[in-house]
C-alpha cells in the first residue's frame, strides 16, 4: 500500500497483529488488506507505530513488538 514503509505481523493468542510504519490510517489499511488477502490472513488488530524496532542484526525485533502490546513470552 502506498505510504507504508514497513510492516510486521505477529501471531499471539489466536490473533494476528499487524504493526506498520506509514501514513495510511487503520481503516484504509484494513480495507486494503481485506481486498488483497484471504480472510484467514487478515490481521485482527492493526497498530501504527512511528518506527519499526530493529535488533542488533538489523532485522525486525519481534520481541520489542510483543513488548508494545505486553505479551512477551518468557524464555
Protein backbone atom coordinates (compact mmCIF):
# COMPACT_ATOMS: atom_id res chain seq x y z
CA UNK A 1 0.00 0.00 0.00
CA UNK A 2 1.38 3.40 -0.89
CA UNK A 3 2.67 5.22 2.14
CA UNK A 4 3.61 2.12 4.15
CA UNK A 5 7.37 1.88 4.66
CA UNK A 6 7.48 -1.31 6.74
CA UNK A 7 5.18 -3.83 8.33
CA UNK A 8 5.41 -6.90 10.53
CA UNK A 9 2.79 -9.35 11.79
CA UNK A 10 2.93 -11.46 14.89
CA UNK A 11 0.62 -14.27 15.92
CA UNK A 12 -0.47 -14.01 19.53
CA UNK A 13 -3.24 -15.83 21.38
CA UNK A 14 -5.07 -16.93 18.21
CA UNK A 15 -4.92 -13.43 16.72
CA UNK A 16 -2.83 -11.83 14.00
CA UNK A 17 -1.49 -8.42 14.97
CA UNK A 18 -0.02 -6.16 12.30
CA UNK A 19 2.41 -3.38 13.17
CA UNK A 20 3.12 -0.90 10.42
CA UNK A 21 5.04 2.30 9.78
CA UNK A 22 3.44 4.72 7.37
CA UNK A 23 0.80 7.27 6.61
CA UNK A 24 -2.40 5.32 5.88
CA UNK A 25 -4.98 5.34 8.68
CA UNK A 26 -6.05 2.00 10.17
CA UNK A 27 -9.37 1.99 8.29
CA UNK A 28 -7.63 2.32 4.92
CA UNK A 29 -5.10 -0.38 5.83
CA UNK A 30 -7.87 -2.76 6.94
CA UNK A 31 -9.84 -2.19 3.76
CA UNK A 32 -6.79 -2.78 1.57
CA UNK A 33 -5.80 -5.96 3.42
CA UNK A 34 -9.34 -7.36 3.18
CA UNK A 35 -9.20 -6.88 -0.60
CA UNK A 36 -5.74 -8.44 -1.01
CA UNK A 37 -5.61 -11.29 1.48
CA UNK A 38 -7.66 -14.42 2.13
CA UNK A 39 -9.91 -13.91 5.14
CA UNK A 40 -7.84 -16.18 7.41
CA UNK A 41 -4.77 -13.99 6.81
CA UNK A 42 -6.39 -10.62 7.54
CA UNK A 43 -4.97 -9.20 10.80
CA UNK A 44 -7.33 -8.95 13.76
CA UNK A 45 -5.62 -5.82 15.02
CA UNK A 46 -3.65 -3.06 13.28
CA UNK A 47 -1.17 -0.96 15.21
CA UNK A 48 0.53 2.02 13.55
CA UNK A 49 3.96 2.79 15.02
CA UNK A 50 6.49 5.58 14.44
CA UNK A 51 9.47 3.32 13.72
CA UNK A 52 9.95 -0.42 13.35
CA UNK A 53 12.20 -1.72 16.15
CA UNK A 54 15.33 -3.46 14.90
CA UNK A 55 17.61 -5.93 16.66
CA UNK A 56 21.42 -5.86 16.63
CA UNK A 57 21.43 -7.63 13.24
CA UNK A 58 19.18 -5.00 11.64
CA UNK A 59 16.17 -7.31 11.46
CA UNK A 60 12.71 -6.56 12.84
CA UNK A 61 12.76 -7.09 16.60
CA UNK A 62 9.63 -9.16 17.20
CA UNK A 63 10.24 -9.28 20.97
CA UNK A 64 10.16 -5.48 21.07
CA UNK A 65 6.83 -5.59 19.18
CA UNK A 66 5.47 -8.05 21.74
CA UNK A 67 6.60 -5.65 24.48
CA UNK A 68 4.49 -2.92 22.86
CA UNK A 69 1.37 -4.95 23.48
CA UNK A 70 2.56 -6.53 26.71
CA UNK A 71 2.61 -10.16 25.59
CA UNK A 72 6.30 -11.01 25.60
CA UNK A 73 6.82 -14.73 26.09
CA UNK A 74 9.21 -15.85 28.77
CA UNK A 75 12.16 -17.91 27.51
